[in-house]
Amino acid sequence: MIVSLDHIAIAVPDLQKSIARFLEDFGLNYEGSEDAVEAKTTTAFFPVKGTSIELVHPLNGEGPLVNFLEKRGPGIHHICFESDDLDADVARLREKGYQFLSDEPTIGAHNARVIFIHPKSCDGVLIELNEHTHG
């Protein structure tokens, strides 16, 4: 079951400049950065009451985020909902006709299991579902 809005991801062309904006200009707490090698992104996290902002930037100038930034420019990349049973949610949504960008969940930032729903299934919005592993 989907239990919360985990984060809103913003694609940024200059990660350090964007980190400075959220940290210094907006005064948000900076939780640190992490490379999501499988997704070819570098991420930076800013917790905000009940959710977080995730800045995403192409890792080593590679990956699908490069195309996103070239086509659309910086801005909202995706929203992520936390699931307490990712496999059940994926099965339920597949039965309803949702298309996913991969067959199975992968490991994303914070060692969470993640899967993305194709934007065509959600009015043009890329939606990530994640399940945090505990232990």
C-alpha atoms as a PDB file:
ATOM      1  CA  MET A   1       0.000   0.000   0.000  1.00  0.00           C
ATOM      2  CA  ILE A   2       1.238   3.506  -0.754  1.00  0.00           C
ATOM      3  CA  VAL A   3       1.825   5.177   2.607  1.00  0.00           C
ATOM      4  CA  SER A   4       3.405   8.588   1.959  1.00  0.00           C
ATOM      5  CA  LEU A   5       4.962  11.049  -0.436  1.00  0.00           C
ATOM      6  CA  ASP A   6       8.621  10.096  -0.067  1.00  0.00           C
ATOM      7  CA  HIS A   7      10.205  12.855  -2.159  1.00  0.00           C
ATOM      8  CA  ILE A   8       9.957  15.219  -5.083  1.00  0.00           C
ATOM      9  CA  ALA A   9      12.926  15.005  -7.451  1.00  0.00           C
ATOM     10  CA  ILE A  10      14.222  18.022  -9.328  1.00  0.00           C
ATOM     11  CA  ALA A  11      16.583  17.565 -12.290  1.00  0.00           C
ATOM     12  CA  VAL A  12      19.408  20.084 -12.101  1.00  0.00           C
ATOM     13  CA  PRO A  13      22.247  20.893 -14.525  1.00  0.00           C
ATOM     14  CA  ASP A  14      24.581  22.277 -11.822  1.00  0.00           C
ATOM     15  CA  LEU A  15      24.351  20.207  -8.646  1.00  0.00           C
ATOM     16  CA  GLN A  16      26.611  22.366  -6.476  1.00  0.00           C
ATOM     17  CA  LYS A  17      24.767  25.563  -7.413  1.00  0.00           C
ATOM     18  CA  SER A  18      21.430  23.923  -6.624  1.00  0.00           C
ATOM     19  CA  ILE A  19      22.702  22.509  -3.318  1.00  0.00           C
ATOM     20  CA  ALA A  20      23.820  26.017  -2.353  1.00  0.00           C
ATOM     21  CA  ARG A  21      20.376  27.417  -3.245  1.00  0.00           C
ATOM     22  CA  PHE A  22      18.454  24.974  -1.080  1.00  0.00           C
ATOM     23  CA  LEU A  23      20.996  25.106   1.750  1.00  0.00           C
ATOM     24  CA  GLU A  24      21.905  28.775   1.894  1.00  0.00           C
ATOM     25  CA  ASP A  25      19.027  30.627   0.228  1.00  0.00           C
ATOM     26  CA  PHE A  26      16.130  28.470   1.447  1.00  0.00           C
ATOM     27  CA  GLY A  27      17.772  27.409   4.712  1.00  0.00           C
ATOM     28  CA  LEU A  28      16.915  23.721   4.347  1.00  0.00           C
ATOM     29  CA  ASN A  29      18.908  20.990   6.056  1.00  0.00           C
ATOM     30  CA  TYR A  30      21.272  19.180   3.716  1.00  0.00           C
ATOM     31  CA  GLU A  31      21.292  15.435   4.310  1.00  0.00           C
ATOM     32  CA  GLY A  32      24.155  14.735   1.913  1.00  0.00           C
ATOM     33  CA  SER A  33      24.745  13.374  -1.563  1.00  0.00           C
ATOM     34  CA  GLU A  34      24.797   9.871  -2.935  1.00  0.00           C
ATOM     35  CA  ASP A  35      25.625   8.337  -6.297  1.00  0.00           C
ATOM     36  CA  ALA A  36      22.921   6.026  -7.626  1.00  0.00           C
ATOM     37  CA  VAL A  37      25.228   4.158 -10.007  1.00  0.00           C
ATOM     38  CA  GLU A  38      22.516   1.974 -11.564  1.00  0.00           C
ATOM     39  CA  ALA A  39      20.418   5.043 -12.401  1.00  0.00           C
ATOM     40  CA  LYS A  40      23.550   7.010 -13.427  1.00  0.00           C
ATOM     41  CA  THR A  41      22.632   9.913 -11.161  1.00  0.00           C
ATOM     42  CA  THR A  42      24.103  11.843  -8.293  1.00  0.00           C
ATOM     43  CA  THR A  43      21.466  12.806  -5.758  1.00  0.00           C
ATOM     44  CA  ALA A  44      21.352  15.374  -2.964  1.00  0.00           C
ATOM     45  CA  PHE A  45      18.717  15.258  -0.225  1.00  0.00           C
ATOM     46  CA  PHE A  46      16.941  17.976   1.704  1.00  0.00           C
ATOM     47  CA  PRO A  47      14.414  16.691   4.243  1.00  0.00           C
ATOM     48  CA  VAL A  48      11.304  18.817   4.559  1.00  0.00           C
ATOM     49  CA  LYS A  49       8.627  18.044   7.145  1.00  0.00           C
ATOM     50  CA  GLY A  50       6.986  14.775   6.089  1.00  0.00           C
ATOM     51  CA  THR A  51       8.904  14.414   2.800  1.00  0.00           C
ATOM     52  CA  SER A  52      12.099  15.566   1.102  1.00  0.00           C
ATOM     53  CA  ILE A  53      13.461  17.319  -1.937  1.00  0.00           C
ATOM     54  CA  GLU A  54      15.878  15.229  -3.994  1.00  0.00           C
ATOM     55  CA  LEU A  55      18.123  16.992  -6.470  1.00  0.00           C
ATOM     56  CA  VAL A  56      19.149  14.683  -9.315  1.00  0.00           C
ATOM     57  CA  HIS A  57      22.092  15.276 -11.618  1.00  0.00           C
ATOM     58  CA  PRO A  58      23.675  13.042 -14.298  1.00  0.00           C
ATOM     59  CA  LEU A  59      26.506  10.942 -12.857  1.00  0.00           C
ATOM     60  CA  ASN A  60      29.668  11.445 -14.941  1.00  0.00           C
ATOM     61  CA  GLY A  61      27.590  13.234 -17.620  1.00  0.00           C
ATOM     62  CA  GLU A  62      25.872   9.969 -18.597  1.00  0.00           C
ATOM     63  CA  GLY A  63      22.492   8.308 -18.427  1.00  0.00           C
ATOM     64  CA  PRO A  64      18.863   9.093 -19.170  1.00  0.00           C
ATOM     65  CA  LEU A  65      18.897  12.273 -17.102  1.00  0.00           C
ATOM     66  CA  VAL A  66      21.180  13.864 -19.714  1.00  0.00           C
ATOM     67  CA  ASN A  67      18.409  13.430 -22.310  1.00  0.00           C
ATOM     68  CA  PHE A  68      15.790  14.727 -19.885  1.00  0.00           C
ATOM     69  CA  LEU A  69      17.771  17.918 -19.237  1.00  0.00           C
ATOM     70  CA  GLU A  70      18.451  18.408 -22.962  1.00  0.00           C
ATOM     71  CA  LYS A  71      14.792  17.957 -23.932  1.00  0.00           C
ATOM     72  CA  ARG A  72      12.988  19.571 -21.016  1.00  0.00           C
ATOM     73  CA  GLY A  73      15.602  21.551 -19.130  1.00  0.00           C
ATOM     74  CA  PRO A  74      15.821  21.682 -15.350  1.00  0.00           C
ATOM     75  CA  GLY A  75      12.709  21.163 -13.264  1.00  0.00           C
ATOM     76  CA  ILE A  76      10.515  18.552 -11.637  1.00  0.00           C
ATOM     77  CA  HIS A  77      11.731  15.124 -12.731  1.00  0.00           C
ATOM     78  CA  HIS A  78       9.494  12.780 -10.723  1.00  0.00           C
ATOM     79  CA  ILE A  79       7.524  12.306  -7.554  1.00  0.00           C
ATOM     80  CA  CYS A  80       8.078   9.292  -5.362  1.00  0.00           C
ATOM     81  CA  PHE A  81       5.586   7.478  -3.182  1.00  0.00           C
ATOM     82  CA  GLU A  82       6.720   5.162  -0.407  1.00  0.00           C
ATOM     83  CA  SER A  83       5.169   1.708  -0.367  1.00  0.00           C
ATOM     84  CA  ASP A  84       5.033  -0.705   2.538  1.00  0.00           C
ATOM     85  CA  ASP A  85       4.713  -3.639   0.090  1.00  0.00           C
ATOM     86  CA  LEU A  86       6.258  -2.738  -3.239  1.00  0.00           C
ATOM     87  CA  ASP A  87       5.691  -6.115  -4.877  1.00  0.00           C
ATOM     88  CA  ALA A  88       1.974  -6.047  -4.044  1.00  0.00           C
ATOM     89  CA  ASP A  89       1.599  -2.460  -5.277  1.00  0.00           C
ATOM     90  CA  VAL A  90       3.394  -3.250  -8.549  1.00  0.00           C
ATOM     91  CA  ALA A  91       1.200  -6.331  -9.121  1.00  0.00           C
ATOM     92  CA  ARG A  92      -1.987  -4.381  -8.320  1.00  0.00           C
ATOM     93  CA  LEU A  93      -1.062  -1.502 -10.619  1.00  0.00           C
ATOM     94  CA  ARG A  94       0.004  -3.847 -13.437  1.00  0.00           C
ATOM     95  CA  GLU A  95      -3.423  -5.509 -13.218  1.00  0.00           C
ATOM     96  CA  LYS A  96      -4.942  -2.043 -13.707  1.00  0.00           C
ATOM     97  CA  GLY A  97      -2.853  -1.555 -16.859  1.00  0.00           C
ATOM     98  CA  TYR A  98      -0.013   0.621 -15.567  1.00  0.00           C
ATOM     99  CA  GLN A  99       3.226   0.391 -17.530  1.00  0.00           C
ATOM    100  CA  PHE A 100       6.564   0.374 -15.718  1.00  0.00           C
ATOM    101  CA  LEU A 101       9.986   1.360 -17.007  1.00  0.00           C
ATOM    102  CA  SER A 102      11.462  -1.955 -15.828  1.00  0.00           C
ATOM    103  CA  ASP A 103      10.202  -5.469 -15.209  1.00  0.00           C
ATOM    104  CA  GLU A 104      11.389  -5.597 -11.602  1.00  0.00           C
ATOM    105  CA  PRO A 105      12.368  -3.143  -8.867  1.00  0.00           C
ATOM    106  CA  THR A 106      16.031  -2.187  -8.604  1.00  0.00           C
ATOM    107  CA  ILE A 107      18.100  -0.709  -5.777  1.00  0.00           C
ATOM    108  CA  GLY A 108      18.082   3.087  -5.636  1.00  0.00           C
ATOM    109  CA  ALA A 109      19.258   5.789  -3.266  1.00  0.00           C
ATOM    110  CA  HIS A 110      19.305   4.959   0.454  1.00  0.00           C
ATOM    111  CA  ASN A 111      19.411   1.276  -0.555  1.00  0.00           C
ATOM    112  CA  ALA A 112      15.652   1.374  -1.198  1.00  0.00           C
ATOM    113  CA  ARG A 113      13.931  -0.909  -3.682  1.00  0.00           C
ATOM    114  CA  VAL A 114      12.542   1.301  -6.465  1.00  0.00           C
ATOM    115  CA  ILE A 115      10.527   1.085  -9.659  1.00  0.00           C
ATOM    116  CA  PHE A 116       9.236   3.801 -11.984  1.00  0.00           C
ATOM    117  CA  ILE A 117       5.794   4.019 -13.569  1.00  0.00           C
ATOM    118  CA  HIS A 118       5.873   5.206 -17.171  1.00  0.00           C
ATOM    119  CA  PRO A 119       4.646   8.804 -17.528  1.00  0.00           C
ATOM    120  CA  LYS A 120       2.112   7.651 -20.155  1.00  0.00           C
ATOM    121  CA  SER A 121       0.287   5.838 -17.349  1.00  0.00           C
ATOM    122  CA  CYS A 122       0.100   8.935 -15.103  1.00  0.00           C
ATOM    123  CA  ASP A 123      -0.884  11.975 -17.165  1.00  0.00           C
ATOM    124  CA  GLY A 124       2.706  12.682 -18.202  1.00  0.00           C
ATOM    125  CA  VAL A 125       4.201  12.491 -14.690  1.00  0.00           C
ATOM    126  CA  LEU A 126       7.060  10.096 -13.958  1.00  0.00           C
ATOM    127  CA  ILE A 127       6.214   8.367 -10.675  1.00  0.00           C
ATOM    128  CA  GLU A 128       8.624   6.345  -8.596  1.00  0.00           C
ATOM    129  CA  LEU A 129       7.513   3.840  -5.993  1.00  0.00           C
ATOM    130  CA  ASN A 130      10.000   2.885  -3.305  1.00  0.00           C
ATOM    131  CA  GLU A 131      10.217   0.552  -0.363  1.00  0.00           C
ATOM    132  CA  HIS A 132      12.832   1.215   2.284  1.00  0.00           C
ATOM    133  CA  THR A 133      14.645  -1.863   3.505  1.00  0.00           C
ATOM    134  CA  HIS A 134      15.188  -2.000   7.229  1.00  0.00           C
ATOM    135  CA  GLY A 135      18.076  -3.977   8.571  1.00  0.00           C
END
